[in-house]
PDB file of all heavy atoms in Angstrom:
ATOM      1  N   TYR A   1     103.038  87.596  89.043  1.00  0.00           N
ATOM      2  CA  TYR A   1     103.186  89.003  89.477  1.00  0.00           C
ATOM      3  C   TYR A   1     102.691  89.878  88.379  1.00  0.00           C
ATOM      4  O   TYR A   1     101.811  90.804  88.694  1.00  0.00           O
ATOM      5  CB  TYR A   1     104.633  89.255  89.842  1.00  0.00           C
ATOM      6  CG  TYR A   1     104.758  90.689  90.239  1.00  0.00           C
ATOM      7  CD1 TYR A   1     104.325  91.225  91.512  1.00  0.00           C
ATOM      8  CD2 TYR A   1     105.266  91.556  89.236  1.00  0.00           C
ATOM      9  CE1 TYR A   1     104.498  92.642  91.658  1.00  0.00           C
ATOM     10  CE2 TYR A   1     105.414  92.940  89.473  1.00  0.00           C
ATOM     11  CZ  TYR A   1     104.960  93.418  90.752  1.00  0.00           C
ATOM     12  OH  TYR A   1     105.003  94.814  91.035  1.00  0.00           O
ATOM     13  N   PRO A   2     103.154  89.936  87.206  1.00  0.00           N
ATOM     14  CA  PRO A   2     102.706  90.906  86.246  1.00  0.00           C
ATOM     15  C   PRO A   2     101.204  90.782  85.808  1.00  0.00           C
ATOM     16  O   PRO A   2     100.617  91.811  85.602  1.00  0.00           O
ATOM     17  CB  PRO A   2     103.609  90.834  84.948  1.00  0.00           C
ATOM     18  CG  PRO A   2     104.203  89.361  85.129  1.00  0.00           C
ATOM     19  CD  PRO A   2     104.271  89.156  86.592  1.00  0.00           C
ATOM     20  N   ILE A   3     100.636  89.571  85.791  1.00  0.00           N
ATOM     21  CA  ILE A   3      99.310  89.398  85.494  1.00  0.00           C
ATOM     22  C   ILE A   3      98.482  90.027  86.652  1.00  0.00           C
ATOM     23  O   ILE A   3      97.511  90.722  86.393  1.00  0.00           O
ATOM     24  CB  ILE A   3      98.963  87.967  85.311  1.00  0.00           C
ATOM     25  CG1 ILE A   3      99.575  87.378  83.952  1.00  0.00           C
ATOM     26  CG2 ILE A   3      97.462  87.731  85.310  1.00  0.00           C
ATOM     27  CD1 ILE A   3      99.386  85.878  83.757  1.00  0.00           C
ATOM     28  N   ASN A   4      98.919  89.769  87.897  1.00  0.00           N
ATOM     29  CA  ASN A   4      98.104  90.300  88.970  1.00  0.00           C
ATOM     30  C   ASN A   4      98.193  91.907  89.036  1.00  0.00           C
ATOM     31  O   ASN A   4      97.268  92.603  89.286  1.00  0.00           O
ATOM     32  CB  ASN A   4      98.679  89.804  90.388  1.00  0.00           C
ATOM     33  CG  ASN A   4      98.072  88.399  90.652  1.00  0.00           C
ATOM     34  OD1 ASN A   4      97.234  87.961  89.966  1.00  0.00           O
ATOM     35  ND2 ASN A   4      98.766  87.663  91.593  1.00  0.00           N
ATOM     36  N   ARG A   5      99.430  92.283  88.714  1.00  0.00           N
ATOM     37  CA  ARG A   5      99.711  93.770  88.766  1.00  0.00           C
ATOM     38  C   ARG A   5      98.813  94.495  87.791  1.00  0.00           C
ATOM     39  O   ARG A   5      98.235  95.454  88.080  1.00  0.00           O
ATOM     40  CB  ARG A   5     101.184  94.082  88.504  1.00  0.00           C
ATOM     41  CG  ARG A   5     101.487  95.524  88.349  1.00  0.00           C
ATOM     42  CD  ARG A   5     101.265  96.402  89.563  1.00  0.00           C
ATOM     43  NE  ARG A   5     101.497  97.773  89.324  1.00  0.00           N
ATOM     44  CZ  ARG A   5     100.682  98.659  88.826  1.00  0.00           C
ATOM     45  NH1 ARG A   5      99.464  98.257  88.492  1.00  0.00           N
ATOM     46  NH2 ARG A   5     101.004  99.956  88.650  1.00  0.00           N
ATOM     47  N   PHE A   6      98.858  93.955  86.526  1.00  0.00           N
ATOM     48  CA  PHE A   6      98.044  94.643  85.492  1.00  0.00           C
ATOM     49  C   PHE A   6      96.542  94.361  85.460  1.00  0.00           C
ATOM     50  O   PHE A   6      95.806  95.163  84.979  1.00  0.00           O
ATOM     51  CB  PHE A   6      98.778  94.447  84.096  1.00  0.00           C
ATOM     52  CG  PHE A   6     100.087  95.085  83.961  1.00  0.00           C
ATOM     53  CD1 PHE A   6     101.198  94.311  83.915  1.00  0.00           C
ATOM     54  CD2 PHE A   6     100.223  96.586  83.966  1.00  0.00           C
ATOM     55  CE1 PHE A   6     102.432  94.961  83.823  1.00  0.00           C
ATOM     56  CE2 PHE A   6     101.393  97.137  83.921  1.00  0.00           C
ATOM     57  CZ  PHE A   6     102.612  96.362  83.796  1.00  0.00           C
ATOM     58  N   ALA A   7      96.185  93.161  85.999  1.00  0.00           N
ATOM     59  CA  ALA A   7      94.752  92.942  86.224  1.00  0.00           C
ATOM     60  C   ALA A   7      94.148  93.987  87.158  1.00  0.00           C
ATOM     61  O   ALA A   7      93.022  94.488  86.964  1.00  0.00           O
ATOM     62  CB  ALA A   7      94.555  91.542  86.630  1.00  0.00           C
ATOM     63  N   MET A   8      94.877  94.174  88.209  1.00  0.00           N
ATOM     64  CA  MET A   8      94.480  95.152  89.232  1.00  0.00           C
ATOM     65  C   MET A   8      94.284  96.506  88.500  1.00  0.00           C
ATOM     66  O   MET A   8      93.220  97.248  88.790  1.00  0.00           O
ATOM     67  CB  MET A   8      95.477  95.274  90.333  1.00  0.00           C
ATOM     68  CG  MET A   8      95.080  96.371  91.450  1.00  0.00           C
ATOM     69  SD  MET A   8      96.247  96.250  92.875  1.00  0.00           S
ATOM     70  CE  MET A   8      97.763  96.606  92.038  1.00  0.00           C
ATOM     71  N   GLU A   9      95.238  96.990  87.720  1.00  0.00           N
ATOM     72  CA  GLU A   9      95.135  98.233  87.019  1.00  0.00           C
ATOM     73  C   GLU A   9      94.032  98.294  85.991  1.00  0.00           C
ATOM     74  O   GLU A   9      93.271  99.309  85.862  1.00  0.00           O
ATOM     75  CB  GLU A   9      96.509  98.610  86.417  1.00  0.00           C
ATOM     76  CG  GLU A   9      96.396  99.919  85.643  1.00  0.00           C
ATOM     77  CD  GLU A   9      96.150 101.164  86.442  1.00  0.00           C
ATOM     78  OE1 GLU A   9      96.080 101.039  87.731  1.00  0.00           O
ATOM     79  OE2 GLU A   9      95.879 102.182  85.861  1.00  0.00           O
ATOM     80  N   ALA A  10      93.873  97.163  85.229  1.00  0.00           N
ATOM     81  CA  ALA A  10      92.704  97.187  84.271  1.00  0.00           C
ATOM     82  C   ALA A  10      91.412  97.243  85.020  1.00  0.00           C
ATOM     83  O   ALA A  10      90.552  98.044  84.566  1.00  0.00           O
ATOM     84  CB  ALA A  10      92.800  95.868  83.530  1.00  0.00           C
ATOM     85  N   LYS A  11      91.259  96.606  86.167  1.00  0.00           N
ATOM     86  CA  LYS A  11      89.957  96.740  86.888  1.00  0.00           C
ATOM     87  C   LYS A  11      89.815  98.054  87.500  1.00  0.00           C
ATOM     88  O   LYS A  11      88.690  98.665  87.548  1.00  0.00           O
ATOM     89  CB  LYS A  11      89.937  95.619  87.931  1.00  0.00           C
ATOM     90  CG  LYS A  11      89.708  94.239  87.301  1.00  0.00           C
ATOM     91  CD  LYS A  11      89.580  93.139  88.357  1.00  0.00           C
ATOM     92  CE  LYS A  11      88.248  93.283  89.180  1.00  0.00           C
ATOM     93  NZ  LYS A  11      87.010  92.980  88.340  1.00  0.00           N
ATOM     94  N   ARG A  12      90.857  98.699  87.948  1.00  0.00           N
ATOM     95  CA  ARG A  12      90.828 100.057  88.489  1.00  0.00           C
ATOM     96  C   ARG A  12      90.314 100.993  87.375  1.00  0.00           C
ATOM     97  O   ARG A  12      89.501 101.843  87.588  1.00  0.00           O
ATOM     98  CB  ARG A  12      92.156 100.588  88.951  1.00  0.00           C
ATOM     99  CG  ARG A  12      92.027 101.946  89.769  1.00  0.00           C
ATOM    100  CD  ARG A  12      93.446 102.510  89.966  1.00  0.00           C
ATOM    101  NE  ARG A  12      94.010 102.915  88.683  1.00  0.00           N
ATOM    102  CZ  ARG A  12      93.756 104.139  88.136  1.00  0.00           C
ATOM    103  NH1 ARG A  12      92.905 104.927  88.716  1.00  0.00           N
ATOM    104  NH2 ARG A  12      94.262 104.412  86.993  1.00  0.00           N
ATOM    105  N   GLN A  13      90.884 100.872  86.175  1.00  0.00           N
ATOM    106  CA  GLN A  13      90.425 101.733  85.103  1.00  0.00           C
ATOM    107  C   GLN A  13      88.960 101.474  84.709  1.00  0.00           C
ATOM    108  O   GLN A  13      88.202 102.425  84.398  1.00  0.00           O
ATOM    109  CB  GLN A  13      91.325 101.480  83.892  1.00  0.00           C
ATOM    110  CG  GLN A  13      92.757 101.899  83.997  1.00  0.00           C
ATOM    111  CD  GLN A  13      93.652 101.548  82.829  1.00  0.00           C
ATOM    112  OE1 GLN A  13      93.219 100.936  81.870  1.00  0.00           O
ATOM    113  NE2 GLN A  13      94.947 101.864  83.022  1.00  0.00           N
ATOM    114  N   LEU A  14      88.476 100.297  84.637  1.00  0.00           N
ATOM    115  CA  LEU A  14      87.047  99.911  84.436  1.00  0.00           C
ATOM    116  C   LEU A  14      86.171 100.593  85.498  1.00  0.00           C
ATOM    117  O   LEU A  14      85.100 101.169  85.281  1.00  0.00           O
ATOM    118  CB  LEU A  14      86.843  98.492  84.393  1.00  0.00           C
ATOM    119  CG  LEU A  14      87.330  97.795  83.170  1.00  0.00           C
ATOM    120  CD1 LEU A  14      87.255  96.190  83.411  1.00  0.00           C
ATOM    121  CD2 LEU A  14      86.445  98.142  81.936  1.00  0.00           C
ATOM    122  N   ASP A  15      86.778 100.636  86.728  1.00  0.00           N
ATOM    123  CA  ASP A  15      85.943 101.249  87.823  1.00  0.00           C
ATOM    124  C   ASP A  15      85.862 102.743  87.633  1.00  0.00           C
ATOM    125  O   ASP A  15      84.878 103.435  87.875  1.00  0.00           O
ATOM    126  CB  ASP A  15      86.560 100.879  89.179  1.00  0.00           C
ATOM    127  CG  ASP A  15      85.665 101.266  90.310  1.00  0.00           C
ATOM    128  OD1 ASP A  15      84.399 101.043  90.208  1.00  0.00           O
ATOM    129  OD2 ASP A  15      86.155 101.802  91.361  1.00  0.00           O
ATOM    130  N   VAL A  16      86.998 103.381  87.175  1.00  0.00           N
ATOM    131  CA  VAL A  16      87.041 104.789  86.810  1.00  0.00           C
ATOM    132  C   VAL A  16      85.884 105.139  85.798  1.00  0.00           C
ATOM    133  O   VAL A  16      85.152 106.073  86.035  1.00  0.00           O
ATOM    134  CB  VAL A  16      88.341 105.257  86.306  1.00  0.00           C
ATOM    135  CG1 VAL A  16      88.292 106.683  85.746  1.00  0.00           C
ATOM    136  CG2 VAL A  16      89.512 105.174  87.361  1.00  0.00           C
ATOM    137  N   LEU A  17      85.867 104.308  84.779  1.00  0.00           N
ATOM    138  CA  LEU A  17      84.753 104.555  83.747  1.00  0.00           C
ATOM    139  C   LEU A  17      83.432 104.305  84.295  1.00  0.00           C
ATOM    140  O   LEU A  17      82.509 105.056  83.938  1.00  0.00           O
ATOM    141  CB  LEU A  17      85.010 103.700  82.600  1.00  0.00           C
ATOM    142  CG  LEU A  17      86.304 103.931  81.729  1.00  0.00           C
ATOM    143  CD1 LEU A  17      86.492 102.850  80.626  1.00  0.00           C
ATOM    144  CD2 LEU A  17      86.242 105.279  81.020  1.00  0.00           C
ATOM    145  N   ASP A  18      83.239 103.234  85.024  1.00  0.00           N
ATOM    146  CA  ASP A  18      81.931 102.936  85.635  1.00  0.00           C
ATOM    147  C   ASP A  18      81.370 104.050  86.438  1.00  0.00           C
ATOM    148  O   ASP A  18      80.217 104.342  86.413  1.00  0.00           O
ATOM    149  CB  ASP A  18      82.014 101.623  86.374  1.00  0.00           C
ATOM    150  CG  ASP A  18      80.602 100.904  86.396  1.00  0.00           C
ATOM    151  OD1 ASP A  18      80.104 100.495  85.393  1.00  0.00           O
ATOM    152  OD2 ASP A  18      80.168 100.650  87.588  1.00  0.00           O
ATOM    153  N   ARG A  19      82.184 104.635  87.230  1.00  0.00           N
ATOM    154  CA  ARG A  19      81.811 105.699  88.136  1.00  0.00           C
ATOM    155  C   ARG A  19      81.484 106.947  87.246  1.00  0.00           C
ATOM    156  O   ARG A  19      80.444 107.658  87.580  1.00  0.00           O
ATOM    157  CB  ARG A  19      82.853 106.045  89.219  1.00  0.00           C
ATOM    158  CG  ARG A  19      83.034 104.972  90.172  1.00  0.00           C
ATOM    159  CD  ARG A  19      84.296 105.149  91.034  1.00  0.00           C
ATOM    160  NE  ARG A  19      84.624 104.013  91.918  1.00  0.00           N
ATOM    161  CZ  ARG A  19      84.236 104.006  93.274  1.00  0.00           C
ATOM    162  NH1 ARG A  19      83.581 105.040  93.737  1.00  0.00           N
ATOM    163  NH2 ARG A  19      84.508 102.924  93.937  1.00  0.00           N
ATOM    164  N   ALA A  20      82.242 107.188  86.318  1.00  0.00           N
ATOM    165  CA  ALA A  20      82.019 108.395  85.387  1.00  0.00           C
ATOM    166  C   ALA A  20      80.675 108.295  84.653  1.00  0.00           C
ATOM    167  O   ALA A  20      79.996 109.274  84.536  1.00  0.00           O
ATOM    168  CB  ALA A  20      83.152 108.634  84.431  1.00  0.00           C
ATOM    169  N   LEU A  21      80.432 107.101  84.234  1.00  0.00           N
ATOM    170  CA  LEU A  21      79.207 106.831  83.420  1.00  0.00           C
ATOM    171  C   LEU A  21      78.017 106.729  84.250  1.00  0.00           C
ATOM    172  O   LEU A  21      76.885 106.476  83.684  1.00  0.00           O
ATOM    173  CB  LEU A  21      79.426 105.631  82.489  1.00  0.00           C
ATOM    174  CG  LEU A  21      80.438 105.875  81.390  1.00  0.00           C
ATOM    175  CD1 LEU A  21      80.868 104.594  80.769  1.00  0.00           C
ATOM    176  CD2 LEU A  21      79.893 106.754  80.333  1.00  0.00           C
ATOM    177  N   ALA A  22      78.013 106.716  85.579  1.00  0.00           N
ATOM    178  CA  ALA A  22      76.892 106.550  86.389  1.00  0.00           C
ATOM    179  C   ALA A  22      75.887 107.607  86.223  1.00  0.00           C
ATOM    180  O   ALA A  22      74.625 107.459  86.422  1.00  0.00           O
ATOM    181  CB  ALA A  22      77.275 106.427  87.876  1.00  0.00           C
ATOM    182  N   ASP A  23      76.370 108.850  85.840  1.00  0.00           N
ATOM    183  CA  ASP A  23      75.305 110.011  85.852  1.00  0.00           C
ATOM    184  C   ASP A  23      75.450 110.720  84.462  1.00  0.00           C
ATOM    185  O   ASP A  23      75.023 111.896  84.403  1.00  0.00           O
ATOM    186  CB  ASP A  23      75.627 110.992  87.004  1.00  0.00           C
ATOM    187  CG  ASP A  23      77.051 111.608  86.926  1.00  0.00           C
ATOM    188  OD1 ASP A  23      77.861 111.103  86.044  1.00  0.00           O
ATOM    189  OD2 ASP A  23      77.443 112.340  87.756  1.00  0.00           O
ATOM    190  N   ARG A  24      75.938 110.078  83.459  1.00  0.00           N
ATOM    191  CA  ARG A  24      75.963 110.693  82.180  1.00  0.00           C
ATOM    192  C   ARG A  24      75.925 109.578  81.086  1.00  0.00           C
ATOM    193  O   ARG A  24      76.363 108.430  81.267  1.00  0.00           O
ATOM    194  CB  ARG A  24      77.218 111.564  82.010  1.00  0.00           C
ATOM    195  CG  ARG A  24      78.528 110.739  82.012  1.00  0.00           C
ATOM    196  CD  ARG A  24      79.726 111.612  81.988  1.00  0.00           C
ATOM    197  NE  ARG A  24      79.958 112.310  83.228  1.00  0.00           N
ATOM    198  CZ  ARG A  24      81.110 113.004  83.497  1.00  0.00           C
ATOM    199  NH1 ARG A  24      81.990 113.212  82.508  1.00  0.00           N
ATOM    200  NH2 ARG A  24      81.271 113.550  84.652  1.00  0.00           N
ATOM    201  N   ARG A  25      75.395 109.991  79.961  1.00  0.00           N
ATOM    202  CA  ARG A  25      75.171 109.055  78.893  1.00  0.00           C
ATOM    203  C   ARG A  25      76.510 108.698  78.276  1.00  0.00           C
ATOM    204  O   ARG A  25      76.815 107.430  77.901  1.00  0.00           O
ATOM    205  CB  ARG A  25      74.227 109.525  77.830  1.00  0.00           C
ATOM    206  CG  ARG A  25      73.865 108.698  76.667  1.00  0.00           C
ATOM    207  CD  ARG A  25      73.027 109.375  75.683  1.00  0.00           C
ATOM    208  NE  ARG A  25      72.715 108.489  74.542  1.00  0.00           N
ATOM    209  CZ  ARG A  25      72.056 108.910  73.420  1.00  0.00           C
ATOM    210  NH1 ARG A  25      71.505 110.074  73.468  1.00  0.00           N
ATOM    211  NH2 ARG A  25      71.872 108.060  72.424  1.00  0.00           N
ATOM    212  N   PHE A  26      77.370 109.696  77.924  1.00  0.00           N
ATOM    213  CA  PHE A  26      78.665 109.537  77.404  1.00  0.00           C
ATOM    214  C   PHE A  26      79.726 110.127  78.236  1.00  0.00           C
ATOM    215  O   PHE A  26      79.360 110.777  79.254  1.00  0.00           O
ATOM    216  CB  PHE A  26      78.728 110.121  75.887  1.00  0.00           C
ATOM    217  CG  PHE A  26      77.744 109.488  74.958  1.00  0.00           C
ATOM    218  CD1 PHE A  26      76.627 110.124  74.488  1.00  0.00           C
ATOM    219  CD2 PHE A  26      77.917 108.143  74.618  1.00  0.00           C
ATOM    220  CE1 PHE A  26      75.745 109.563  73.674  1.00  0.00           C
ATOM    221  CE2 PHE A  26      77.079 107.542  73.785  1.00  0.00           C
ATOM    222  CZ  PHE A  26      75.966 108.291  73.208  1.00  0.00           C
ATOM    223  N   LEU A  27      80.983 109.888  77.928  1.00  0.00           N
ATOM    224  CA  LEU A  27      82.071 110.414  78.787  1.00  0.00           C
ATOM    225  C   LEU A  27      82.161 111.865  78.997  1.00  0.00           C
ATOM    226  O   LEU A  27      82.395 112.302  80.139  1.00  0.00           O
ATOM    227  CB  LEU A  27      83.428 109.919  78.236  1.00  0.00           C
ATOM    228  CG  LEU A  27      83.874 108.496  78.753  1.00  0.00           C
ATOM    229  CD1 LEU A  27      83.953 108.419  80.239  1.00  0.00           C
ATOM    230  CD2 LEU A  27      83.133 107.374  78.121  1.00  0.00           C
ATOM    231  N   ALA A  28      81.796 112.663  78.017  1.00  0.00           N
ATOM    232  CA  ALA A  28      81.987 114.050  78.179  1.00  0.00           C
ATOM    233  C   ALA A  28      80.603 114.715  78.470  1.00  0.00           C
ATOM    234  O   ALA A  28      80.514 115.990  78.528  1.00  0.00           O
ATOM    235  CB  ALA A  28      82.588 114.760  77.006  1.00  0.00           C
ATOM    236  N   GLY A  29      79.522 113.920  78.621  1.00  0.00           N
ATOM    237  CA  GLY A  29      78.225 114.466  78.856  1.00  0.00           C
ATOM    238  C   GLY A  29      77.184 113.775  78.142  1.00  0.00           C
ATOM    239  O   GLY A  29      77.183 112.480  78.000  1.00  0.00           O
ATOM    240  N   GLU A  30      76.281 114.474  77.491  1.00  0.00           N
ATOM    241  CA  GLU A  30      75.112 113.833  76.757  1.00  0.00           C
ATOM    242  C   GLU A  30      75.470 113.586  75.273  1.00  0.00           C
ATOM    243  O   GLU A  30      74.623 113.027  74.570  1.00  0.00           O
ATOM    244  CB  GLU A  30      73.831 114.681  76.903  1.00  0.00           C
ATOM    245  CG  GLU A  30      73.357 114.691  78.390  1.00  0.00           C
ATOM    246  CD  GLU A  30      73.178 113.253  78.853  1.00  0.00           C
ATOM    247  OE1 GLU A  30      72.366 112.553  78.263  1.00  0.00           O
ATOM    248  OE2 GLU A  30      73.764 112.993  79.951  1.00  0.00           O
TER     249      GLU A  30
END
């Protein structure tokens, strides 16, 4: 249960970053 719960959250966070970095070089811009 805890491995599944936190694996899901870790992957959600990676997806947040992946979407943000799709149109910019760094997190706050260029």
